[in-house]
PDB file of N, CA and C in Angstrom:
ATOM      1  N   MET A   1     117.921  53.972  28.012  1.00  0.00           N
ATOM      2  CA  MET A   1     118.240  52.516  28.082  1.00  0.00           C
ATOM      3  C   MET A   1     119.436  52.446  29.054  1.00  0.00           C
ATOM      4  N   ARG A   2     119.477  51.372  29.658  1.00  0.00           N
ATOM      5  CA  ARG A   2     120.672  51.040  30.699  1.00  0.00           C
ATOM      6  C   ARG A   2     121.439  49.597  30.062  1.00  0.00           C
ATOM      7  N   GLU A   3     122.785  49.404  30.231  1.00  0.00           N
ATOM      8  CA  GLU A   3     123.306  48.099  30.082  1.00  0.00           C
ATOM      9  C   GLU A   3     122.758  47.035  31.349  1.00  0.00           C
ATOM     10  N   LEU A   4     122.670  46.010  30.552  1.00  0.00           N
ATOM     11  CA  LEU A   4     122.281  44.783  31.681  1.00  0.00           C
ATOM     12  C   LEU A   4     123.497  44.400  32.906  1.00  0.00           C
ATOM     13  N   THR A   5     123.217  44.096  33.955  1.00  0.00           N
ATOM     14  CA  THR A   5     124.292  43.435  34.754  1.00  0.00           C
ATOM     15  C   THR A   5     124.369  42.039  34.668  1.00  0.00           C
ATOM     16  N   ILE A   6     125.657  41.368  35.122  1.00  0.00           N
ATOM     17  CA  ILE A   6     125.853  40.062  34.717  1.00  0.00           C
ATOM     18  C   ILE A   6     124.717  39.336  35.324  1.00  0.00           C
ATOM     19  N   SER A   7     124.237  39.420  36.371  1.00  0.00           N
ATOM     20  CA  SER A   7     123.364  38.523  37.003  1.00  0.00           C
ATOM     21  C   SER A   7     121.787  38.829  36.114  1.00  0.00           C
ATOM     22  N   GLU A   8     121.766  39.925  35.373  1.00  0.00           N
ATOM     23  CA  GLU A   8     120.675  39.892  34.853  1.00  0.00           C
ATOM     24  C   GLU A   8     120.510  39.678  33.193  1.00  0.00           C
ATOM     25  N   ILE A   9     122.218  39.367  32.911  1.00  0.00           N
ATOM     26  CA  ILE A   9     122.221  38.491  31.273  1.00  0.00           C
ATOM     27  C   ILE A   9     121.721  37.161  31.448  1.00  0.00           C
ATOM     28  N   GLY A  10     121.908  36.589  32.916  1.00  0.00           N
ATOM     29  CA  GLY A  10     121.348  35.196  33.017  1.00  0.00           C
ATOM     30  C   GLY A  10     120.421  34.676  33.028  1.00  0.00           C
ATOM     31  N   PHE A  11     119.276  35.977  33.801  1.00  0.00           N
ATOM     32  CA  PHE A  11     118.077  35.787  33.305  1.00  0.00           C
ATOM     33  C   PHE A  11     117.212  36.192  31.977  1.00  0.00           C
ATOM     34  N   VAL A  12     117.860  37.082  31.074  1.00  0.00           N
ATOM     35  CA  VAL A  12     117.186  36.950  29.657  1.00  0.00           C
ATOM     36  C   VAL A  12     118.026  35.956  28.750  1.00  0.00           C
ATOM     37  N   SER A  13     118.786  35.317  29.181  1.00  0.00           N
ATOM     38  CA  SER A  13     119.550  34.475  28.361  1.00  0.00           C
ATOM     39  C   SER A  13     118.946  33.186  28.544  1.00  0.00           C
ATOM     40  N   GLY A  14     118.343  32.840  29.419  1.00  0.00           N
ATOM     41  CA  GLY A  14     117.838  31.542  29.507  1.00  0.00           C
ATOM     42  C   GLY A  14     118.668  30.581  30.325  1.00  0.00           C
ATOM     43  N   ALA A  15     120.012  31.306  30.627  1.00  0.00           N
ATOM     44  CA  ALA A  15     121.293  30.352  31.348  1.00  0.00           C
ATOM     45  C   ALA A  15     121.109  30.380  32.739  1.00  0.00           C
ATOM     46  N   GLY A  16     120.266  30.979  33.411  1.00  0.00           N
ATOM     47  CA  GLY A  16     120.066  30.849  34.565  1.00  0.00           C
ATOM     48  C   GLY A  16     121.143  30.969  35.476  1.00  0.00           C
ATOM     49  N   ASP A  17     121.608  29.756  36.061  1.00  0.00           N
ATOM     50  CA  ASP A  17     122.611  29.934  37.047  1.00  0.00           C
ATOM     51  C   ASP A  17     124.075  29.927  36.270  1.00  0.00           C
ATOM     52  N   ASP A  18     123.930  29.358  35.104  1.00  0.00           N
ATOM     53  CA  ASP A  18     125.292  28.992  34.486  1.00  0.00           C
ATOM     54  C   ASP A  18     126.031  30.287  34.159  1.00  0.00           C
ATOM     55  N   CYS A  19     125.685  31.673  33.979  1.00  0.00           N
ATOM     56  CA  CYS A  19     126.189  32.900  33.649  1.00  0.00           C
ATOM     57  C   CYS A  19     127.284  32.787  34.978  1.00  0.00           C
ATOM     58  N   SER A  20     128.358  33.638  35.075  1.00  0.00           N
ATOM     59  CA  SER A  20     129.176  33.755  36.302  1.00  0.00           C
ATOM     60  C   SER A  20     128.779  35.086  36.983  1.00  0.00           C
ATOM     61  N   SER A  21     128.935  35.018  38.003  1.00  0.00           N
ATOM     62  CA  SER A  21     128.638  36.384  38.415  1.00  0.00           C
ATOM     63  C   SER A  21     129.908  37.025  39.071  1.00  0.00           C
ATOM     64  N   GLY A  22     129.871  38.562  39.359  1.00  0.00           N
ATOM     65  CA  GLY A  22     130.971  39.079  40.175  1.00  0.00           C
ATOM     66  C   GLY A  22     132.317  39.303  39.181  1.00  0.00           C
ATOM     67  N   ASP A  23     133.046  39.327  39.597  1.00  0.00           N
ATOM     68  CA  ASP A  23     134.735  39.809  38.691  1.00  0.00           C
ATOM     69  C   ASP A  23     135.298  37.986  38.046  1.00  0.00           C
ATOM     70  N   THR A  24     134.520  37.093  38.009  1.00  0.00           N
ATOM     71  CA  THR A  24     135.403  36.068  38.034  1.00  0.00           C
ATOM     72  C   THR A  24     135.328  35.880  36.481  1.00  0.00           C
ATOM     73  N   GLY A  25     134.187  35.899  35.732  1.00  0.00           N
ATOM     74  CA  GLY A  25     133.746  35.819  34.068  1.00  0.00           C
ATOM     75  C   GLY A  25     133.658  37.082  33.713  1.00  0.00           C
ATOM     76  N   ALA A  26     133.532  37.956  34.181  1.00  0.00           N
ATOM     77  CA  ALA A  26     133.197  39.676  33.537  1.00  0.00           C
ATOM     78  C   ALA A  26     133.521  39.682  32.310  1.00  0.00           C
ATOM     79  N   ASN A  27     134.620  39.421  32.158  1.00  0.00           N
ATOM     80  CA  ASN A  27     135.686  40.007  31.143  1.00  0.00           C
ATOM     81  C   ASN A  27     136.005  38.847  30.294  1.00  0.00           C
ATOM     82  N   SER A  28     135.283  37.925  29.847  1.00  0.00           N
ATOM     83  CA  SER A  28     135.930  36.677  29.164  1.00  0.00           C
ATOM     84  C   SER A  28     135.542  37.045  27.756  1.00  0.00           C
ATOM     85  N   TYR A  29     136.389  36.150  26.860  1.00  0.00           N
ATOM     86  CA  TYR A  29     135.929  35.940  25.464  1.00  0.00           C
ATOM     87  C   TYR A  29     135.646  34.961  25.111  1.00  0.00           C
ATOM     88  N   GLY A  30     134.476  34.274  25.060  1.00  0.00           N
ATOM     89  CA  GLY A  30     134.124  33.013  24.546  1.00  0.00           C
ATOM     90  C   GLY A  30     134.629  31.890  25.625  1.00  0.00           C
ATOM     91  N   SER A  31     134.177  32.477  26.917  1.00  0.00           N
ATOM     92  CA  SER A  31     134.786  31.519  28.201  1.00  0.00           C
ATOM     93  C   SER A  31     136.104  31.732  28.211  1.00  0.00           C
ATOM     94  N   ILE A  32     137.053  32.267  27.328  1.00  0.00           N
ATOM     95  CA  ILE A  32     138.526  32.155  27.714  1.00  0.00           C
ATOM     96  C   ILE A  32     138.570  33.760  28.469  1.00  0.00           C
ATOM     97  N   ASN A  33     139.307  33.060  29.932  1.00  0.00           N
ATOM     98  CA  ASN A  33     139.548  34.516  30.558  1.00  0.00           C
ATOM     99  C   ASN A  33     140.684  34.533  30.294  1.00  0.00           C
ATOM    100  N   ASP A  34     141.673  33.634  30.237  1.00  0.00           N
ATOM    101  CA  ASP A  34     143.177  34.044  30.079  1.00  0.00           C
ATOM    102  C   ASP A  34     143.549  33.932  28.348  1.00  0.00           C
ATOM    103  N   THR A  35     143.690  35.071  27.794  1.00  0.00           N
ATOM    104  CA  THR A  35     143.909  35.306  26.105  1.00  0.00           C
ATOM    105  C   THR A  35     145.528  35.091  26.259  1.00  0.00           C
ATOM    106  N   SER A  36     146.087  34.874  26.971  1.00  0.00           N
ATOM    107  CA  SER A  36     147.866  34.861  26.880  1.00  0.00           C
ATOM    108  C   SER A  36     148.078  33.705  26.322  1.00  0.00           C
ATOM    109  N   SER A  37     147.300  32.361  26.388  1.00  0.00           N
ATOM    110  CA  SER A  37     147.512  31.313  25.994  1.00  0.00           C
ATOM    111  C   SER A  37     146.934  30.580  24.851  1.00  0.00           C
ATOM    112  N   VAL A  38     145.840  31.544  24.144  1.00  0.00           N
ATOM    113  CA  VAL A  38     145.176  31.256  23.342  1.00  0.00           C
ATOM    114  C   VAL A  38     146.202  30.807  21.924  1.00  0.00           C
ATOM    115  N   GLY A  39     147.075  31.590  21.838  1.00  0.00           N
ATOM    116  CA  GLY A  39     147.920  31.495  20.506  1.00  0.00           C
ATOM    117  C   GLY A  39     148.492  29.595  20.472  1.00  0.00           C
ATOM    118  N   ASP A  40     149.076  29.755  21.685  1.00  0.00           N
ATOM    119  CA  ASP A  40     149.669  28.162  22.039  1.00  0.00           C
ATOM    120  C   ASP A  40     148.638  27.032  21.982  1.00  0.00           C
ATOM    121  N   GLU A  41     147.375  27.496  22.162  1.00  0.00           N
ATOM    122  CA  GLU A  41     146.155  26.392  22.204  1.00  0.00           C
ATOM    123  C   GLU A  41     146.066  25.910  20.697  1.00  0.00           C
ATOM    124  N   ILE A  42     146.095  27.133  19.876  1.00  0.00           N
ATOM    125  CA  ILE A  42     145.812  27.159  18.507  1.00  0.00           C
ATOM    126  C   ILE A  42     146.583  25.986  17.855  1.00  0.00           C
ATOM    127  N   ILE A  43     147.944  26.543  17.943  1.00  0.00           N
ATOM    128  CA  ILE A  43     148.974  26.071  17.601  1.00  0.00           C
ATOM    129  C   ILE A  43     149.029  24.397  17.961  1.00  0.00           C
ATOM    130  N   GLU A  44     148.600  24.139  19.194  1.00  0.00           N
ATOM    131  CA  GLU A  44     148.711  23.067  19.585  1.00  0.00           C
ATOM    132  C   GLU A  44     147.490  22.177  18.758  1.00  0.00           C
ATOM    133  N   LEU A  45     146.294  22.578  18.432  1.00  0.00           N
ATOM    134  CA  LEU A  45     144.950  22.241  17.806  1.00  0.00           C
ATOM    135  C   LEU A  45     145.563  21.763  16.214  1.00  0.00           C
ATOM    136  N   TYR A  46     146.190  22.661  15.819  1.00  0.00           N
ATOM    137  CA  TYR A  46     146.651  22.407  14.448  1.00  0.00           C
ATOM    138  C   TYR A  46     147.613  21.250  14.092  1.00  0.00           C
ATOM    139  N   GLU A  47     148.646  21.386  15.223  1.00  0.00           N
ATOM    140  CA  GLU A  47     149.693  20.086  15.329  1.00  0.00           C
ATOM    141  C   GLU A  47     148.825  18.998  15.428  1.00  0.00           C
ATOM    142  N   GLY A  48     147.747  18.649  16.311  1.00  0.00           N
ATOM    143  CA  GLY A  48     146.802  17.674  16.305  1.00  0.00           C
ATOM    144  C   GLY A  48     145.963  17.395  15.172  1.00  0.00           C
ATOM    145  N   LEU A  49     145.642  18.321  14.422  1.00  0.00           N
ATOM    146  CA  LEU A  49     145.011  17.876  13.213  1.00  0.00           C
ATOM    147  C   LEU A  49     146.028  17.418  12.089  1.00  0.00           C
ATOM    148  N   VAL A  50     146.830  17.677  11.894  1.00  0.00           N
ATOM    149  CA  VAL A  50     148.074  17.543  11.127  1.00  0.00           C
ATOM    150  C   VAL A  50     148.417  16.271  11.338  1.00  0.00           C
ATOM    151  N   ALA A  51     148.616  15.637  12.667  1.00  0.00           N
ATOM    152  CA  ALA A  51     149.083  14.367  12.961  1.00  0.00           C
ATOM    153  C   ALA A  51     147.687  13.591  12.812  1.00  0.00           C
ATOM    154  N   ALA A  52     146.515  13.995  13.054  1.00  0.00           N
ATOM    155  CA  ALA A  52     145.695  12.960  12.579  1.00  0.00           C
ATOM    156  C   ALA A  52     145.332  12.583  11.269  1.00  0.00           C
ATOM    157  N   THR A  53     145.624  13.633  10.358  1.00  0.00           N
ATOM    158  CA  THR A  53     145.161  13.789   9.083  1.00  0.00           C
ATOM    159  C   THR A  53     146.394  12.566   8.131  1.00  0.00           C
ATOM    160  N   SER A  54     148.076  13.111   8.991  1.00  0.00           N
ATOM    161  CA  SER A  54     148.925  12.115   8.155  1.00  0.00           C
ATOM    162  C   SER A  54     148.601  10.951   8.658  1.00  0.00           C
ATOM    163  N   HIS A  55     148.017  10.363  10.107  1.00  0.00           N
ATOM    164  CA  HIS A  55     147.786   8.936  10.489  1.00  0.00           C
ATOM    165  C   HIS A  55     146.671   8.426   9.394  1.00  0.00           C
ATOM    166  N   ILE A  56     145.539   9.056   9.050  1.00  0.00           N
ATOM    167  CA  ILE A  56     144.696   8.812   7.995  1.00  0.00           C
ATOM    168  C   ILE A  56     145.391   8.373   6.811  1.00  0.00           C
ATOM    169  N   ILE A  57     145.599   9.356   6.197  1.00  0.00           N
ATOM    170  CA  ILE A  57     146.777   9.358   4.971  1.00  0.00           C
ATOM    171  C   ILE A  57     147.400   7.797   5.043  1.00  0.00           C
ATOM    172  N   GLU A  58     148.579   7.597   6.009  1.00  0.00           N
ATOM    173  CA  GLU A  58     148.942   6.293   5.947  1.00  0.00           C
ATOM    174  C   GLU A  58     148.362   5.195   6.441  1.00  0.00           C
ATOM    175  N   ARG A  59     147.056   5.143   7.088  1.00  0.00           N
ATOM    176  CA  ARG A  59     146.597   3.878   6.887  1.00  0.00           C
ATOM    177  C   ARG A  59     145.879   3.777   5.701  1.00  0.00           C
ATOM    178  N   ILE A  60     145.286   4.837   4.892  1.00  0.00           N
ATOM    179  CA  ILE A  60     145.029   4.392   3.769  1.00  0.00           C
ATOM    180  C   ILE A  60     145.632   4.071   2.738  1.00  0.00           C
ATOM    181  N   ALA A  61     147.001   4.612   2.689  1.00  0.00           N
ATOM    182  CA  ALA A  61     148.214   3.648   1.956  1.00  0.00           C
ATOM    183  C   ALA A  61     148.497   2.936   2.073  1.00  0.00           C
ATOM    184  N   ASN A  62     148.702   2.073   3.584  1.00  0.00           N
ATOM    185  CA  ASN A  62     149.003   0.930   3.632  1.00  0.00           C
ATOM    186  C   ASN A  62     147.498  -0.085   3.237  1.00  0.00           C
ATOM    187  N   ALA A  63     146.462   0.290   3.200  1.00  0.00           N
ATOM    188  CA  ALA A  63     145.583  -0.596   3.001  1.00  0.00           C
ATOM    189  C   ALA A  63     145.379  -0.686   1.260  1.00  0.00           C
ATOM    190  N   LEU A  64     145.912   0.470   0.484  1.00  0.00           N
ATOM    191  CA  LEU A  64     145.720   0.259  -0.568  1.00  0.00           C
ATOM    192  C   LEU A  64     147.178  -0.901  -1.135  1.00  0.00           C
TER     193      LEU A  64
END
């Protein structure tokens, strides 16, 4: 049994031309090619969630 190539994965997964070919996306982690910025992006997402939650709590408190 052999491993599938990138172009073969597109055929069996039903993705068609959506799978990248060549070296551009062969080593990606969930479509993340640059793993050096993942930590910063998670922190920004967390800070955005905290800001949104704070805004909602403030709106509810003002309504009461």
